[in-house]
Amino acid sequence: MAHVLVIDAHPDAQSLTAQLAASYAAGAGDHAVTLALRDLDFDLTLRTGYRTPQHLEPDLARAQELLEWAEHVAVFTPVWWGSVPALLKGFFDRTLERGWAFRYRENGMPEGLLAGRTGRLAVTSDSPRWYLPLVGDTTVKQVRGRTMEFCGIKPTRLTRYADVRGRSEEQLAAWVREAADLGAADAARPGRPDRLAGERRELTAAGR
């Protein structure tokens, strides 16, 4: 079973995004920890870019601990203006530090330091499913490709909840129920090879 970190990036705890994240985490069971970004206390702004270090608030230090613990990272976010809420962008800017989440090799190529983890990106949108890929799918490219996979979290699977405003309450409730099944399936995937190898070594040392 995999350790699952669920990142709920919606500022509103009553939102569909938050409900989906909670259901997904419930489906993953005891193997999941939820990080609701709206409950964290941190400065969203990377004040000097990467020119000087910026002290991590306790909530962000804890977030890094959870990312190190996780074997599967699921991000739930709405699509706002072809991007994500400022809350999620600020979290990425502050938490995914250079030298911790990624680095550049001598040849200039980037290396993701969170490799060995899989991911899932779940996006909600009022736009219909066919529209966002037509106009460039900027949110998915930004979060899945330019952030999660850039840092080594891959493969990152995509789940879309589109045309939200056109859905009935029954349809929305069905989505929430289905998110629990998705969480259970992701948690059931094998853990990271390095952790499994460590567990096997511990069992062998114990003579089991």
Protein backbone atom coordinates (compact mmCIF):
# COMPACT_ATOMS: atom_id res chain seq x y z
CA MET A 1 0.00 0.00 0.00
CA ALA A 2 1.21 3.49 -0.85
CA HIS A 3 1.50 6.50 1.44
CA VAL A 4 -0.86 9.07 -0.11
CA LEU A 5 -0.63 12.83 0.35
CA VAL A 6 -3.80 14.66 -0.72
CA ILE A 7 -3.37 18.38 -1.41
CA ASP A 8 -6.66 20.31 -1.33
CA ALA A 9 -5.96 23.62 -3.05
CA HIS A 10 -9.38 25.26 -2.90
CA PRO A 11 -9.76 28.25 -0.54
CA ASP A 12 -13.36 27.23 0.25
CA ALA A 13 -13.91 24.18 2.45
CA GLN A 14 -17.48 23.84 1.09
CA SER A 15 -16.38 23.68 -2.56
CA LEU A 16 -16.79 20.70 -4.84
CA THR A 17 -13.00 20.48 -5.08
CA ALA A 18 -12.72 20.15 -1.30
CA GLN A 19 -15.47 17.52 -1.22
CA LEU A 20 -13.73 15.49 -3.91
CA ALA A 21 -10.40 15.69 -2.08
CA ALA A 22 -12.00 14.60 1.21
CA SER A 23 -13.74 11.66 -0.45
CA TYR A 24 -10.55 10.60 -2.23
CA ALA A 25 -8.65 10.71 1.07
CA ALA A 26 -11.38 8.72 2.82
CA GLY A 27 -11.14 6.08 0.11
CA ALA A 28 -7.38 5.84 0.59
CA GLY A 29 -8.03 5.22 4.28
CA ASP A 30 -5.29 5.08 6.89
CA HIS A 31 -2.65 5.44 4.18
CA ALA A 32 -3.67 9.02 3.38
CA VAL A 33 -2.93 12.43 4.89
CA THR A 34 -4.76 15.54 3.69
CA LEU A 35 -3.10 18.92 3.43
CA ALA A 36 -5.79 21.61 3.07
CA LEU A 37 -3.81 24.63 1.95
CA ARG A 38 -6.45 27.07 3.22
CA ASP A 39 -5.64 25.95 6.77
CA LEU A 40 -1.91 26.65 6.49
CA ASP A 41 -0.27 29.84 7.73
CA PHE A 42 2.41 31.02 5.30
CA ASP A 43 3.45 33.90 3.06
CA LEU A 44 2.35 33.15 -0.50
CA THR A 45 5.06 35.34 -2.00
CA LEU A 46 8.58 34.21 -2.80
CA ARG A 47 9.99 37.61 -1.88
CA THR A 48 13.32 37.60 -3.68
CA GLY A 49 12.78 34.71 -6.05
CA TYR A 50 15.70 32.31 -5.70
CA ARG A 51 18.25 35.06 -5.02
CA THR A 52 18.18 34.67 -1.24
CA PRO A 53 16.77 31.98 1.07
CA GLN A 54 13.35 32.55 2.64
CA HIS A 55 12.60 31.01 6.02
CA LEU A 56 10.02 28.22 5.87
CA GLU A 57 7.07 28.68 8.19
CA PRO A 58 6.28 25.63 10.39
CA ASP A 59 3.33 24.65 8.18
CA LEU A 60 5.55 24.57 5.08
CA ALA A 61 8.26 22.64 6.89
CA ARG A 62 5.58 20.10 7.79
CA ALA A 63 4.44 20.05 4.15
CA GLN A 64 7.97 19.15 3.07
CA GLU A 65 8.02 16.35 5.63
CA LEU A 66 4.77 15.01 4.20
CA LEU A 67 6.08 15.20 0.64
CA GLU A 68 9.14 13.21 1.71
CA TRP A 69 6.87 10.66 3.40
CA ALA A 70 4.48 10.36 0.47
CA GLU A 71 4.71 7.77 -2.25
CA HIS A 72 1.74 9.15 -4.16
CA VAL A 73 0.75 12.83 -4.32
CA ALA A 74 -2.77 13.85 -5.37
CA VAL A 75 -3.48 17.52 -6.08
CA PHE A 76 -7.08 18.73 -6.25
CA THR A 77 -7.54 22.20 -7.72
CA PRO A 78 -10.07 24.28 -9.62
CA VAL A 79 -9.18 25.87 -12.95
CA TRP A 80 -9.23 29.66 -12.49
CA TRP A 81 -8.32 31.92 -15.41
CA GLY A 82 -6.45 29.13 -17.14
CA SER A 83 -4.34 28.61 -14.03
CA VAL A 84 -4.75 27.75 -10.34
CA PRO A 85 -5.74 29.65 -7.19
CA ALA A 86 -3.04 31.92 -5.78
CA LEU A 87 -3.07 29.65 -2.75
CA LEU A 88 -1.71 26.70 -4.74
CA LYS A 89 0.75 28.76 -6.77
CA GLY A 90 2.15 30.30 -3.59
CA PHE A 91 2.40 26.89 -1.98
CA PHE A 92 4.39 25.56 -4.93
CA ASP A 93 6.62 28.65 -5.03
CA ARG A 94 7.44 28.46 -1.33
CA THR A 95 7.54 24.70 -0.68
CA LEU A 96 9.22 23.26 -3.78
CA GLU A 97 12.58 24.81 -3.03
CA ARG A 98 15.52 24.62 -5.38
CA GLY A 99 17.97 22.10 -4.00
CA TRP A 100 15.17 20.26 -2.22
CA ALA A 101 12.50 19.53 -4.85
CA PHE A 102 14.71 20.03 -7.91
CA ARG A 103 18.18 21.04 -9.00
CA TYR A 104 20.11 21.74 -12.16
CA ARG A 105 22.89 19.45 -13.31
CA GLU A 106 26.23 20.76 -14.55
CA ASN A 107 24.94 20.50 -18.12
CA GLY A 108 22.03 22.81 -17.24
CA MET A 109 19.37 20.12 -17.38
CA PRO A 110 16.89 19.95 -14.47
CA GLU A 111 16.64 16.96 -12.15
CA GLY A 112 13.56 16.23 -10.06
CA LEU A 113 14.49 15.36 -6.50
CA LEU A 114 11.06 13.98 -5.59
CA ALA A 115 11.50 11.07 -8.00
CA GLY A 116 10.03 7.71 -7.06
CA ARG A 117 6.61 9.16 -6.31
CA THR A 118 3.56 8.88 -8.51
CA GLY A 119 0.88 11.53 -8.76
CA ARG A 120 -2.66 12.41 -9.65
CA LEU A 121 -3.97 15.80 -10.70
CA ALA A 122 -7.73 16.33 -10.32
CA VAL A 123 -9.09 19.53 -11.83
CA THR A 124 -12.58 21.01 -11.62
CA SER A 125 -13.84 23.51 -14.19
CA ASP A 126 -17.02 25.17 -15.36
CA SER A 127 -15.73 24.83 -18.94
CA PRO A 128 -16.73 21.66 -20.80
CA ARG A 129 -14.27 18.80 -21.15
CA TRP A 130 -13.51 19.49 -24.81
CA TYR A 131 -12.80 23.21 -24.37
CA LEU A 132 -9.67 23.30 -22.17
CA PRO A 133 -7.49 21.05 -24.39
CA LEU A 134 -8.66 23.13 -27.35
CA VAL A 135 -7.28 26.35 -25.84
CA GLY A 136 -4.05 24.85 -24.59
CA ASP A 137 -4.91 23.10 -21.30
CA THR A 138 -2.65 25.53 -19.47
CA THR A 139 -3.58 24.45 -15.94
CA VAL A 140 -2.80 20.80 -16.60
CA LYS A 141 0.45 21.64 -18.35
CA GLN A 142 1.48 23.97 -15.53
CA VAL A 143 0.68 21.68 -12.60
CA ARG A 144 1.29 18.22 -14.02
CA GLY A 145 4.10 18.89 -16.47
CA ARG A 146 5.87 22.03 -15.29
CA THR A 147 5.56 21.40 -11.56
CA MET A 148 4.83 17.83 -10.42
CA GLU A 149 6.68 15.95 -13.15
CA PHE A 150 9.42 18.61 -13.23
CA CYS A 151 10.10 17.71 -9.58
CA GLY A 152 10.08 13.99 -10.39
CA ILE A 153 6.50 13.07 -9.43
CA LYS A 154 5.52 10.84 -12.33
CA PRO A 155 3.62 9.42 -13.91
CA THR A 156 0.96 11.90 -12.86
CA ARG A 157 -2.49 10.76 -13.94
CA LEU A 158 -5.20 13.28 -14.77
CA THR A 159 -8.83 13.32 -13.66
CA ARG A 160 -11.19 15.99 -14.98
CA TYR A 161 -14.44 17.16 -13.44
CA ALA A 162 -15.69 19.42 -16.22
CA ASP A 163 -18.81 21.49 -16.91
CA VAL A 164 -19.47 21.71 -13.16
CA ARG A 165 -22.12 24.42 -13.43
CA GLY A 166 -24.08 22.26 -15.88
CA ARG A 167 -24.24 19.24 -13.60
CA SER A 168 -27.14 18.20 -11.42
CA GLU A 169 -26.78 17.64 -7.69
CA GLU A 170 -27.09 13.92 -8.32
CA GLN A 171 -24.23 14.00 -10.83
CA LEU A 172 -22.02 15.97 -8.47
CA ALA A 173 -22.77 13.53 -5.64
CA ALA A 174 -21.84 10.64 -7.93
CA TRP A 175 -18.49 12.29 -8.65
CA VAL A 176 -17.82 12.60 -4.93
CA ARG A 177 -18.61 8.92 -4.39
CA GLU A 178 -16.42 7.90 -7.31
CA ALA A 179 -13.51 9.91 -5.89
CA ALA A 180 -13.43 7.52 -2.92
CA ASP A 181 -12.98 4.57 -5.28
CA LEU A 182 -10.17 6.44 -7.02
CA GLY A 183 -8.43 7.06 -3.70
CA ALA A 184 -8.72 3.42 -2.76
CA ALA A 185 -7.25 2.34 -6.09
CA ASP A 186 -4.31 4.74 -5.84
CA ALA A 187 -3.55 3.72 -2.25
CA ALA A 188 -3.57 0.07 -3.31
CA ARG A 189 -0.66 0.60 -5.69
CA PRO A 190 2.72 -0.69 -4.50
CA GLY A 191 4.84 1.69 -2.42
CA ARG A 192 8.20 3.12 -3.47
CA PRO A 193 10.83 0.46 -4.15
CA ASP A 194 13.29 2.09 -1.72
CA ARG A 195 10.78 1.92 1.15
CA LEU A 196 9.74 -1.63 0.28
CA ALA A 197 13.38 -2.69 0.17
CA GLY A 198 13.93 -1.14 3.58
CA GLU A 199 10.94 -2.98 5.00
CA ARG A 200 12.21 -6.26 3.56
CA ARG A 201 15.63 -5.66 5.14
CA GLU A 202 13.99 -4.99 8.51
CA LEU A 203 11.94 -8.18 8.26
CA THR A 204 15.02 -10.20 7.32
CA ALA A 205 17.01 -8.75 10.20
CA ALA A 206 14.19 -9.69 12.55
CA GLY A 207 14.30 -13.27 11.26
CA ARG A 208 10.76 -13.17 9.89
